[in-house]
Each structure stands twice: as structure tokens, then as C-alpha cells.
Amino acid sequence: VQLVESGGGRVQTGGSLSLSCAASGFAFSSYSMNWFRQAPGKEREFVATISRNASSTNYADSVKGRFTISRDNAKNTVWLQMNSLKPEDTAVYYCQASVYDKGWSVNWGQGTQVTVSS
């Protein structure tokens, strides 16, 4: 299983960024996909999830209405569109997938830094 995030960077308050996660090594279309984030000195927290066929999404209250998760199973890619960014959105963002192969494994990408300046 390999998850590779990209698209992070530095933006000003109110700006937008789009993160992408390229997945490989597993049956991407069979699994829901998730985004998490970890701010300095804080625990990693859930941001958004999307079901395997994109019929269902769910978001942390802190990002609801501002972030949108989407996926393309033909491209083995999941995105996180982030709008109206706030300084408190500053964190390393991680793509995550729990995959079953003789047992469940929790898999993480390397993370991509998002910095929102005021």
C-alpha cells in the first residue's frame, strides 16, 4: 500500500488549496478513504472521509462547509479541496486508508504541510 500526498503550501487567511493523494498497491475502489491532520503539539485528528463509491462523505465539524473530499476510482486518487482557510487549519495533512489483506492494516501517506498565515 502506498499513499502519496501533494498540493500543500502556504496561503493567506481566506485562501484555498487542493490536496491530492495518489494511491497504489491495493484495490482502491473497494475502500473508503480519509484525510487527517496534525497541528504542532496536537494529536492527529480526523478531517474527512469518503465512501468507496463516493456516495457518502463526512466531515469534522471544524471544516464542514469549507472543505470538500472527492475521489476518482479510475485514477486511484482522492482530493481534499480546502476553501476559506483559517490559521487554525495549519497542519500536516495525511491521507489514510484501512486495507484488508489477511487482516486489517492502517496505512498513512507521508503528509503534506499546509500553512495558513493571518
N, C-alpha and C. Protein backbone atom coordinates (compact mmCIF):
# COMPACT_ATOMS: atom_id res chain seq x y z
N VAL A 1 0.85 -1.19 0.00
CA VAL A 1 0.00 0.00 0.00
C VAL A 1 0.88 1.24 0.00
N GLN A 2 0.61 2.14 -0.93
CA GLN A 2 1.35 3.40 -0.96
C GLN A 2 0.36 4.54 -1.16
N LEU A 3 0.53 5.56 -0.33
CA LEU A 3 -0.29 6.76 -0.40
C LEU A 3 0.64 7.95 -0.49
N VAL A 4 0.50 8.77 -1.52
CA VAL A 4 1.41 9.89 -1.73
C VAL A 4 0.59 11.17 -1.86
N GLU A 5 0.74 12.05 -0.86
CA GLU A 5 0.02 13.32 -0.87
C GLU A 5 0.83 14.39 -1.60
N SER A 6 0.11 15.35 -2.13
CA SER A 6 0.75 16.52 -2.73
C SER A 6 -0.23 17.69 -2.69
N GLY A 7 0.30 18.88 -2.91
CA GLY A 7 -0.56 20.04 -3.02
C GLY A 7 -0.53 20.99 -1.85
N GLY A 8 0.22 20.65 -0.82
CA GLY A 8 0.30 21.55 0.32
C GLY A 8 1.06 22.83 -0.03
N GLY A 9 1.04 23.78 0.89
CA GLY A 9 1.76 25.02 0.68
C GLY A 9 1.35 26.06 1.69
N ARG A 10 1.68 27.30 1.37
CA ARG A 10 1.37 28.41 2.27
C ARG A 10 0.38 29.34 1.59
N VAL A 11 -0.68 29.68 2.30
CA VAL A 11 -1.68 30.61 1.79
C VAL A 11 -2.08 31.58 2.89
N GLN A 12 -2.71 32.65 2.49
CA GLN A 12 -3.22 33.61 3.46
C GLN A 12 -4.63 33.21 3.90
N THR A 13 -5.02 33.75 5.02
CA THR A 13 -6.37 33.51 5.52
C THR A 13 -7.40 33.81 4.43
N GLY A 14 -8.34 32.90 4.28
CA GLY A 14 -9.37 33.06 3.26
C GLY A 14 -9.02 32.41 1.93
N GLY A 15 -7.80 31.96 1.80
CA GLY A 15 -7.37 31.35 0.55
C GLY A 15 -7.81 29.90 0.41
N SER A 16 -7.39 29.30 -0.69
CA SER A 16 -7.77 27.93 -1.00
C SER A 16 -6.56 27.10 -1.38
N LEU A 17 -6.66 25.81 -1.11
CA LEU A 17 -5.67 24.83 -1.54
C LEU A 17 -6.38 23.55 -1.89
N SER A 18 -5.80 22.79 -2.81
CA SER A 18 -6.33 21.48 -3.14
C SER A 18 -5.24 20.44 -2.92
N LEU A 19 -5.53 19.50 -2.06
CA LEU A 19 -4.61 18.40 -1.79
C LEU A 19 -5.03 17.18 -2.60
N SER A 20 -4.05 16.41 -3.03
CA SER A 20 -4.36 15.15 -3.70
C SER A 20 -3.58 14.01 -3.05
N CYS A 21 -4.12 12.83 -3.18
CA CYS A 21 -3.48 11.63 -2.64
C CYS A 21 -3.57 10.55 -3.72
N ALA A 22 -2.41 10.15 -4.21
CA ALA A 22 -2.34 9.08 -5.20
C ALA A 22 -2.11 7.76 -4.48
N ALA A 23 -3.00 6.80 -4.72
CA ALA A 23 -2.95 5.52 -4.03
C ALA A 23 -2.52 4.40 -4.96
N SER A 24 -1.82 3.43 -4.42
CA SER A 24 -1.41 2.27 -5.21
C SER A 24 -1.19 1.09 -4.28
N GLY A 25 -1.19 -0.10 -4.86
CA GLY A 25 -0.88 -1.30 -4.10
C GLY A 25 -2.07 -1.97 -3.45
N PHE A 26 -3.26 -1.47 -3.71
CA PHE A 26 -4.46 -2.10 -3.18
C PHE A 26 -5.64 -1.75 -4.09
N ALA A 27 -6.76 -2.42 -3.85
CA ALA A 27 -7.96 -2.21 -4.67
C ALA A 27 -8.66 -0.93 -4.21
N PHE A 28 -8.19 0.17 -4.72
CA PHE A 28 -8.63 1.50 -4.28
C PHE A 28 -10.14 1.63 -4.24
N SER A 29 -10.83 1.17 -5.25
CA SER A 29 -12.27 1.36 -5.35
C SER A 29 -13.06 0.55 -4.31
N SER A 30 -12.39 -0.32 -3.60
CA SER A 30 -13.06 -1.16 -2.61
C SER A 30 -13.05 -0.56 -1.21
N TYR A 31 -12.40 0.56 -1.03
CA TYR A 31 -12.21 1.10 0.32
C TYR A 31 -12.58 2.57 0.43
N SER A 32 -13.14 2.92 1.58
CA SER A 32 -13.30 4.33 1.86
C SER A 32 -11.92 4.96 2.08
N MET A 33 -11.85 6.25 1.88
CA MET A 33 -10.59 6.98 2.03
C MET A 33 -10.80 8.15 2.98
N ASN A 34 -9.74 8.50 3.68
CA ASN A 34 -9.85 9.51 4.74
C ASN A 34 -8.72 10.52 4.67
N TRP A 35 -9.01 11.69 5.17
CA TRP A 35 -7.98 12.71 5.40
C TRP A 35 -7.95 13.00 6.90
N PHE A 36 -6.74 13.11 7.42
CA PHE A 36 -6.49 13.52 8.78
C PHE A 36 -5.52 14.68 8.76
N ARG A 37 -5.37 15.35 9.89
CA ARG A 37 -4.36 16.40 10.01
C ARG A 37 -3.78 16.42 11.41
N GLN A 38 -2.57 16.95 11.50
CA GLN A 38 -1.91 17.08 12.80
C GLN A 38 -1.22 18.42 12.88
N ALA A 39 -1.68 19.23 13.80
CA ALA A 39 -1.07 20.54 14.04
C ALA A 39 0.06 20.38 15.05
N PRO A 40 1.00 21.32 15.07
CA PRO A 40 2.12 21.23 16.02
C PRO A 40 1.64 21.13 17.45
N GLY A 41 2.15 20.14 18.17
CA GLY A 41 1.80 19.97 19.57
C GLY A 41 0.43 19.38 19.82
N LYS A 42 -0.25 18.97 18.77
CA LYS A 42 -1.59 18.42 18.93
C LYS A 42 -1.66 17.00 18.38
N GLU A 43 -2.69 16.29 18.77
CA GLU A 43 -2.89 14.94 18.26
C GLU A 43 -3.44 14.99 16.84
N ARG A 44 -3.19 13.91 16.11
CA ARG A 44 -3.75 13.79 14.78
C ARG A 44 -5.27 13.72 14.89
N GLU A 45 -5.96 14.43 13.99
CA GLU A 45 -7.42 14.46 14.06
C GLU A 45 -8.04 14.19 12.69
N PHE A 46 -9.23 13.63 12.74
CA PHE A 46 -10.00 13.33 11.55
C PHE A 46 -10.44 14.62 10.86
N VAL A 47 -10.39 14.61 9.53
CA VAL A 47 -10.85 15.76 8.75
C VAL A 47 -12.05 15.39 7.89
N ALA A 48 -11.90 14.34 7.08
CA ALA A 48 -12.97 13.99 6.15
C ALA A 48 -12.83 12.55 5.70
N THR A 49 -13.96 11.96 5.30
CA THR A 49 -13.97 10.61 4.77
C THR A 49 -14.92 10.54 3.58
N ILE A 50 -14.63 9.61 2.67
CA ILE A 50 -15.48 9.39 1.51
C ILE A 50 -15.62 7.89 1.30
N SER A 51 -16.84 7.45 1.02
CA SER A 51 -17.09 6.03 0.83
C SER A 51 -16.46 5.55 -0.48
N ARG A 52 -16.43 4.24 -0.66
CA ARG A 52 -15.70 3.68 -1.79
C ARG A 52 -16.27 4.09 -3.13
N ASN A 53 -17.58 4.32 -3.20
CA ASN A 53 -18.16 4.74 -4.48
C ASN A 53 -18.54 6.22 -4.48
N ALA A 54 -18.03 6.96 -3.49
CA ALA A 54 -18.25 8.41 -3.37
C ALA A 54 -19.69 8.78 -3.09
N SER A 55 -20.51 7.84 -2.69
CA SER A 55 -21.92 8.16 -2.43
C SER A 55 -22.12 8.82 -1.07
N SER A 56 -21.12 8.70 -0.22
CA SER A 56 -21.26 9.24 1.13
C SER A 56 -19.97 9.94 1.55
N THR A 57 -20.11 11.10 2.16
CA THR A 57 -18.97 11.83 2.72
C THR A 57 -19.32 12.29 4.13
N ASN A 58 -18.29 12.54 4.90
CA ASN A 58 -18.50 13.04 6.25
C ASN A 58 -17.31 13.92 6.62
N TYR A 59 -17.56 14.94 7.43
CA TYR A 59 -16.53 15.92 7.75
C TYR A 59 -16.49 16.23 9.23
N ALA A 60 -15.33 16.61 9.70
CA ALA A 60 -15.22 17.17 11.04
C ALA A 60 -16.00 18.48 11.08
N ASP A 61 -16.58 18.77 12.22
CA ASP A 61 -17.37 20.00 12.34
C ASP A 61 -16.53 21.23 12.01
N SER A 62 -15.26 21.19 12.32
CA SER A 62 -14.39 22.35 12.14
C SER A 62 -14.16 22.71 10.68
N VAL A 63 -14.41 21.77 9.77
CA VAL A 63 -14.16 22.03 8.35
C VAL A 63 -15.43 21.96 7.50
N LYS A 64 -16.54 21.59 8.12
CA LYS A 64 -17.78 21.43 7.38
C LYS A 64 -18.17 22.73 6.69
N GLY A 65 -18.52 22.63 5.42
CA GLY A 65 -18.90 23.81 4.66
C GLY A 65 -17.73 24.51 3.99
N ARG A 66 -16.51 24.14 4.35
CA ARG A 66 -15.33 24.78 3.77
C ARG A 66 -14.48 23.80 2.97
N PHE A 67 -14.46 22.54 3.41
CA PHE A 67 -13.65 21.52 2.75
C PHE A 67 -14.56 20.55 2.00
N THR A 68 -14.04 20.02 0.89
CA THR A 68 -14.77 19.02 0.12
C THR A 68 -13.83 17.87 -0.24
N ILE A 69 -14.24 16.66 0.09
CA ILE A 69 -13.48 15.48 -0.27
C ILE A 69 -14.11 14.85 -1.51
N SER A 70 -13.27 14.37 -2.41
CA SER A 70 -13.76 13.72 -3.63
C SER A 70 -12.77 12.65 -4.05
N ARG A 71 -13.19 11.81 -4.97
CA ARG A 71 -12.30 10.74 -5.43
C ARG A 71 -12.62 10.39 -6.87
N ASP A 72 -11.63 9.80 -7.53
CA ASP A 72 -11.79 9.26 -8.87
C ASP A 72 -11.20 7.85 -8.85
N ASN A 73 -12.04 6.85 -8.87
CA ASN A 73 -11.56 5.47 -8.77
C ASN A 73 -10.78 5.04 -10.01
N ALA A 74 -11.04 5.67 -11.14
CA ALA A 74 -10.29 5.34 -12.35
C ALA A 74 -8.84 5.84 -12.25
N LYS A 75 -8.63 6.88 -11.43
CA LYS A 75 -7.28 7.45 -11.28
C LYS A 75 -6.65 7.07 -9.95
N ASN A 76 -7.36 6.28 -9.13
CA ASN A 76 -6.83 5.89 -7.81
C ASN A 76 -6.39 7.12 -7.01
N THR A 77 -7.21 8.16 -7.04
CA THR A 77 -6.84 9.42 -6.42
C THR A 77 -8.00 9.96 -5.58
N VAL A 78 -7.65 10.53 -4.45
CA VAL A 78 -8.62 11.24 -3.61
C VAL A 78 -8.10 12.66 -3.41
N TRP A 79 -9.03 13.60 -3.37
CA TRP A 79 -8.67 15.02 -3.22
C TRP A 79 -9.32 15.61 -1.97
N LEU A 80 -8.73 16.68 -1.52
CA LEU A 80 -9.35 17.48 -0.46
C LEU A 80 -9.26 18.94 -0.90
N GLN A 81 -10.39 19.50 -1.28
CA GLN A 81 -10.46 20.91 -1.66
C GLN A 81 -10.73 21.71 -0.40
N MET A 82 -9.85 22.65 -0.11
CA MET A 82 -9.95 23.43 1.12
C MET A 82 -10.15 24.90 0.76
N ASN A 83 -11.28 25.45 1.14
CA ASN A 83 -11.60 26.85 0.88
C ASN A 83 -11.75 27.60 2.20
N SER A 84 -11.73 28.91 2.10
CA SER A 84 -11.89 29.77 3.28
C SER A 84 -10.97 29.34 4.40
N LEU A 85 -9.73 29.14 4.07
CA LEU A 85 -8.77 28.61 5.05
C LEU A 85 -8.53 29.60 6.19
N LYS A 86 -8.30 29.03 7.37
CA LYS A 86 -8.07 29.80 8.58
C LYS A 86 -6.71 29.42 9.16
N PRO A 87 -6.11 30.27 9.96
CA PRO A 87 -4.82 29.92 10.59
C PRO A 87 -4.90 28.60 11.37
N GLU A 88 -6.03 28.30 11.96
CA GLU A 88 -6.17 27.06 12.71
C GLU A 88 -6.22 25.82 11.83
N ASP A 89 -6.27 26.00 10.52
CA ASP A 89 -6.17 24.86 9.60
C ASP A 89 -4.72 24.47 9.35
N THR A 90 -3.80 25.25 9.84
CA THR A 90 -2.37 24.94 9.67
C THR A 90 -2.04 23.60 10.31
N ALA A 91 -1.49 22.70 9.52
CA ALA A 91 -1.20 21.35 9.99
C ALA A 91 -0.53 20.56 8.87
N VAL A 92 -0.04 19.39 9.23
CA VAL A 92 0.36 18.41 8.22
C VAL A 92 -0.87 17.56 7.92
N TYR A 93 -1.20 17.44 6.67
CA TYR A 93 -2.38 16.70 6.25
C TYR A 93 -1.97 15.34 5.71
N TYR A 94 -2.69 14.32 6.18
CA TYR A 94 -2.36 12.94 5.83
C TYR A 94 -3.55 12.25 5.16
N CYS A 95 -3.23 11.49 4.15
CA CYS A 95 -4.18 10.58 3.52
C CYS A 95 -4.11 9.26 4.27
N GLN A 96 -5.27 8.62 4.44
CA GLN A 96 -5.29 7.38 5.22
C GLN A 96 -6.25 6.39 4.60
N ALA A 97 -5.84 5.12 4.62
CA ALA A 97 -6.70 4.04 4.15
C ALA A 97 -6.50 2.82 5.04
N SER A 98 -7.58 2.23 5.47
CA SER A 98 -7.53 0.95 6.19
C SER A 98 -7.85 -0.14 5.19
N VAL A 99 -6.91 -1.05 5.02
CA VAL A 99 -6.99 -2.05 3.95
C VAL A 99 -6.96 -3.44 4.55
N TYR A 100 -7.78 -4.33 3.98
CA TYR A 100 -7.82 -5.70 4.47
C TYR A 100 -7.02 -6.62 3.54
N ASP A 101 -6.03 -7.31 4.13
CA ASP A 101 -5.27 -8.34 3.42
C ASP A 101 -4.79 -9.34 4.46
N LYS A 102 -5.58 -10.39 4.70
CA LYS A 102 -5.31 -11.35 5.79
C LYS A 102 -5.37 -10.66 7.14
N GLY A 103 -5.98 -9.51 7.18
CA GLY A 103 -6.08 -8.73 8.40
C GLY A 103 -6.09 -7.26 8.02
N TRP A 104 -6.58 -6.42 8.92
CA TRP A 104 -6.67 -5.00 8.62
C TRP A 104 -5.35 -4.31 8.90
N SER A 105 -4.96 -3.42 8.02
CA SER A 105 -3.79 -2.58 8.24
C SER A 105 -4.20 -1.13 8.04
N VAL A 106 -3.68 -0.26 8.88
CA VAL A 106 -3.95 1.18 8.78
C VAL A 106 -2.75 1.81 8.08
N ASN A 107 -3.00 2.45 6.97
CA ASN A 107 -1.92 2.97 6.14
C ASN A 107 -2.00 4.49 6.02
N TRP A 108 -0.84 5.12 6.08
CA TRP A 108 -0.74 6.58 6.04
C TRP A 108 0.22 7.02 4.95
N GLY A 109 -0.07 8.16 4.37
CA GLY A 109 0.90 8.79 3.50
C GLY A 109 1.95 9.52 4.31
N GLN A 110 2.87 10.19 3.62
CA GLN A 110 3.96 10.87 4.31
C GLN A 110 3.54 12.24 4.84
N GLY A 111 2.39 12.72 4.36
CA GLY A 111 1.88 14.00 4.82
C GLY A 111 2.32 15.16 3.94
N THR A 112 1.51 16.20 3.93
CA THR A 112 1.85 17.42 3.20
C THR A 112 1.50 18.62 4.09
N GLN A 113 2.41 19.57 4.16
CA GLN A 113 2.26 20.70 5.07
C GLN A 113 1.35 21.77 4.46
N VAL A 114 0.40 22.21 5.26
CA VAL A 114 -0.46 23.34 4.90
C VAL A 114 -0.26 24.41 5.96
N THR A 115 0.10 25.59 5.52
CA THR A 115 0.31 26.72 6.43
C THR A 115 -0.57 27.88 6.00
N VAL A 116 -1.39 28.35 6.92
CA VAL A 116 -2.29 29.46 6.65
C VAL A 116 -1.85 30.65 7.50
N SER A 117 -1.46 31.73 6.85
CA SER A 117 -0.97 32.90 7.58
C SER A 117 -2.08 33.93 7.71
N SER A 118 -2.02 34.64 8.82
CA SER A 118 -3.06 35.66 9.07
C SER A 118 -2.65 37.01 8.53
